[in-house]
Amino acid sequence: MADRKLEITQVRSGIGRQSKHRRTLEALGIRRHQQSVVHNDTPAIRGMLRQVVHLVSVREIGE
């Protein structure tokens, strides 16, 4: 699990969403719509993604 990475792309807008969801997107490093970031596949990141699953798409990158 440590070698895997996740590519996270915001596909829905954060406008009008709960502030908790907007703060989670910012904590993931996503600043604007359609931006992609890459993170290690950790339980903390998975928990953050569970909160904003309706706003992002996730792709596993096996390295």
N, C-alpha and C. Protein backbone atom coordinates (compact mmCIF):
# COMPACT_ATOMS: atom_id res chain seq x y z
N MET A 1 0.82 -1.19 0.00
CA MET A 1 0.00 0.00 0.00
C MET A 1 0.86 1.25 0.00
N ALA A 2 2.07 1.19 0.51
CA ALA A 2 2.92 2.36 0.60
C ALA A 2 3.41 2.81 -0.77
N ASP A 3 3.56 1.88 -1.71
CA ASP A 3 4.07 2.23 -3.02
C ASP A 3 3.00 2.80 -3.94
N ARG A 4 1.73 2.59 -3.60
CA ARG A 4 0.67 3.07 -4.47
C ARG A 4 0.41 4.54 -4.24
N LYS A 5 -0.01 5.19 -5.30
CA LYS A 5 -0.36 6.60 -5.24
C LYS A 5 -1.76 6.77 -5.78
N LEU A 6 -2.40 7.87 -5.40
CA LEU A 6 -3.73 8.19 -5.87
C LEU A 6 -3.70 9.52 -6.60
N GLU A 7 -4.28 9.55 -7.79
CA GLU A 7 -4.45 10.81 -8.50
C GLU A 7 -5.89 11.26 -8.24
N ILE A 8 -6.02 12.44 -7.63
CA ILE A 8 -7.32 12.96 -7.23
C ILE A 8 -7.62 14.18 -8.07
N THR A 9 -8.77 14.18 -8.75
CA THR A 9 -9.18 15.29 -9.61
C THR A 9 -10.54 15.79 -9.16
N GLN A 10 -10.65 17.10 -8.98
CA GLN A 10 -11.95 17.67 -8.63
C GLN A 10 -12.81 17.74 -9.88
N VAL A 11 -14.00 17.16 -9.82
CA VAL A 11 -14.88 17.14 -10.99
C VAL A 11 -16.18 17.89 -10.75
N ARG A 12 -16.48 18.22 -9.50
CA ARG A 12 -17.67 19.02 -9.16
C ARG A 12 -17.23 20.22 -8.35
N SER A 13 -17.96 21.29 -8.45
CA SER A 13 -17.61 22.54 -7.78
C SER A 13 -17.83 22.44 -6.28
N GLY A 14 -17.01 23.18 -5.54
CA GLY A 14 -17.18 23.27 -4.10
C GLY A 14 -18.09 24.41 -3.68
N ILE A 15 -18.55 25.20 -4.65
CA ILE A 15 -19.42 26.34 -4.34
C ILE A 15 -20.74 25.83 -3.80
N GLY A 16 -21.19 26.40 -2.71
CA GLY A 16 -22.46 26.01 -2.11
C GLY A 16 -22.39 24.75 -1.28
N ARG A 17 -21.22 24.19 -1.10
CA ARG A 17 -21.06 22.96 -0.30
C ARG A 17 -20.79 23.33 1.15
N GLN A 18 -20.87 22.35 2.01
CA GLN A 18 -20.56 22.57 3.42
C GLN A 18 -19.11 23.03 3.55
N SER A 19 -18.87 23.88 4.54
CA SER A 19 -17.51 24.40 4.72
C SER A 19 -16.53 23.26 5.04
N LYS A 20 -17.02 22.20 5.68
CA LYS A 20 -16.16 21.05 5.99
C LYS A 20 -15.65 20.41 4.69
N HIS A 21 -16.51 20.34 3.67
CA HIS A 21 -16.10 19.75 2.39
C HIS A 21 -15.13 20.66 1.66
N ARG A 22 -15.35 21.96 1.70
CA ARG A 22 -14.43 22.90 1.05
C ARG A 22 -13.07 22.88 1.72
N ARG A 23 -13.05 22.78 3.05
CA ARG A 23 -11.78 22.72 3.77
C ARG A 23 -11.05 21.41 3.49
N THR A 24 -11.79 20.32 3.30
CA THR A 24 -11.16 19.04 2.97
C THR A 24 -10.50 19.11 1.60
N LEU A 25 -11.18 19.73 0.62
CA LEU A 25 -10.57 19.90 -0.70
C LEU A 25 -9.29 20.71 -0.60
N GLU A 26 -9.32 21.77 0.19
CA GLU A 26 -8.13 22.60 0.35
C GLU A 26 -7.01 21.83 1.04
N ALA A 27 -7.36 21.00 2.02
CA ALA A 27 -6.36 20.19 2.73
C ALA A 27 -5.72 19.17 1.79
N LEU A 28 -6.48 18.71 0.81
CA LEU A 28 -5.93 17.78 -0.18
C LEU A 28 -5.02 18.49 -1.18
N GLY A 29 -5.04 19.81 -1.18
CA GLY A 29 -4.19 20.58 -2.09
C GLY A 29 -4.90 20.98 -3.36
N ILE A 30 -6.20 20.80 -3.41
CA ILE A 30 -6.97 21.16 -4.60
C ILE A 30 -7.45 22.59 -4.45
N ARG A 31 -7.05 23.45 -5.37
CA ARG A 31 -7.38 24.87 -5.29
C ARG A 31 -8.49 25.28 -6.26
N ARG A 32 -8.60 24.58 -7.38
CA ARG A 32 -9.60 24.98 -8.36
C ARG A 32 -10.17 23.76 -9.08
N HIS A 33 -11.27 23.99 -9.76
CA HIS A 33 -12.00 22.95 -10.47
C HIS A 33 -11.12 22.31 -11.55
N GLN A 34 -11.22 21.00 -11.70
CA GLN A 34 -10.48 20.20 -12.67
C GLN A 34 -8.99 20.09 -12.36
N GLN A 35 -8.56 20.53 -11.20
CA GLN A 35 -7.16 20.38 -10.81
C GLN A 35 -6.92 18.97 -10.30
N SER A 36 -5.76 18.42 -10.61
CA SER A 36 -5.38 17.09 -10.14
C SER A 36 -4.19 17.18 -9.20
N VAL A 37 -4.19 16.34 -8.19
CA VAL A 37 -3.07 16.22 -7.27
C VAL A 37 -2.78 14.74 -7.07
N VAL A 38 -1.55 14.43 -6.66
CA VAL A 38 -1.15 13.05 -6.42
C VAL A 38 -0.74 12.93 -4.96
N HIS A 39 -1.30 11.93 -4.27
CA HIS A 39 -0.98 11.67 -2.87
C HIS A 39 -0.67 10.19 -2.70
N ASN A 40 0.09 9.88 -1.65
CA ASN A 40 0.30 8.48 -1.27
C ASN A 40 -1.02 7.90 -0.79
N ASP A 41 -1.19 6.62 -1.00
CA ASP A 41 -2.41 5.93 -0.59
C ASP A 41 -2.30 5.57 0.89
N THR A 42 -2.80 6.46 1.75
CA THR A 42 -2.76 6.25 3.19
C THR A 42 -4.17 6.26 3.75
N PRO A 43 -4.37 5.70 4.94
CA PRO A 43 -5.70 5.72 5.55
C PRO A 43 -6.22 7.15 5.78
N ALA A 44 -5.33 8.09 6.08
CA ALA A 44 -5.75 9.48 6.30
C ALA A 44 -6.31 10.09 5.02
N ILE A 45 -5.64 9.86 3.91
CA ILE A 45 -6.10 10.39 2.62
C ILE A 45 -7.41 9.70 2.22
N ARG A 46 -7.50 8.40 2.45
CA ARG A 46 -8.74 7.67 2.13
C ARG A 46 -9.92 8.23 2.93
N GLY A 47 -9.69 8.59 4.19
CA GLY A 47 -10.75 9.16 5.01
C GLY A 47 -11.19 10.52 4.49
N MET A 48 -10.24 11.31 4.03
CA MET A 48 -10.57 12.62 3.46
C MET A 48 -11.38 12.44 2.18
N LEU A 49 -11.00 11.47 1.38
CA LEU A 49 -11.71 11.22 0.13
C LEU A 49 -13.13 10.74 0.38
N ARG A 50 -13.33 10.00 1.45
CA ARG A 50 -14.66 9.50 1.77
C ARG A 50 -15.63 10.66 2.02
N GLN A 51 -15.11 11.78 2.55
CA GLN A 51 -15.96 12.94 2.80
C GLN A 51 -16.34 13.68 1.53
N VAL A 52 -15.48 13.67 0.53
CA VAL A 52 -15.73 14.46 -0.68
C VAL A 52 -15.85 13.59 -1.92
N VAL A 53 -16.27 12.34 -1.75
CA VAL A 53 -16.34 11.40 -2.86
C VAL A 53 -17.26 11.92 -3.97
N HIS A 54 -18.25 12.73 -3.63
CA HIS A 54 -19.19 13.26 -4.60
C HIS A 54 -18.62 14.44 -5.39
N LEU A 55 -17.43 14.93 -5.01
CA LEU A 55 -16.83 16.09 -5.67
C LEU A 55 -15.57 15.74 -6.48
N VAL A 56 -15.04 14.54 -6.28
CA VAL A 56 -13.75 14.20 -6.89
C VAL A 56 -13.83 12.85 -7.62
N SER A 57 -12.86 12.64 -8.49
CA SER A 57 -12.67 11.31 -9.07
C SER A 57 -11.26 10.87 -8.65
N VAL A 58 -11.13 9.58 -8.38
CA VAL A 58 -9.86 9.04 -7.87
C VAL A 58 -9.39 7.93 -8.79
N ARG A 59 -8.11 7.97 -9.11
CA ARG A 59 -7.50 6.94 -9.95
C ARG A 59 -6.26 6.43 -9.24
N GLU A 60 -6.15 5.12 -9.12
CA GLU A 60 -4.96 4.53 -8.48
C GLU A 60 -3.82 4.46 -9.48
N ILE A 61 -2.67 4.87 -9.03
CA ILE A 61 -1.46 4.81 -9.85
C ILE A 61 -0.53 3.80 -9.18
N GLY A 62 -0.36 2.65 -9.78
CA GLY A 62 0.52 1.64 -9.21
C GLY A 62 1.95 1.88 -9.64
N GLU A 63 2.85 2.05 -8.67
CA GLU A 63 4.26 2.28 -9.00
C GLU A 63 5.13 1.20 -8.43
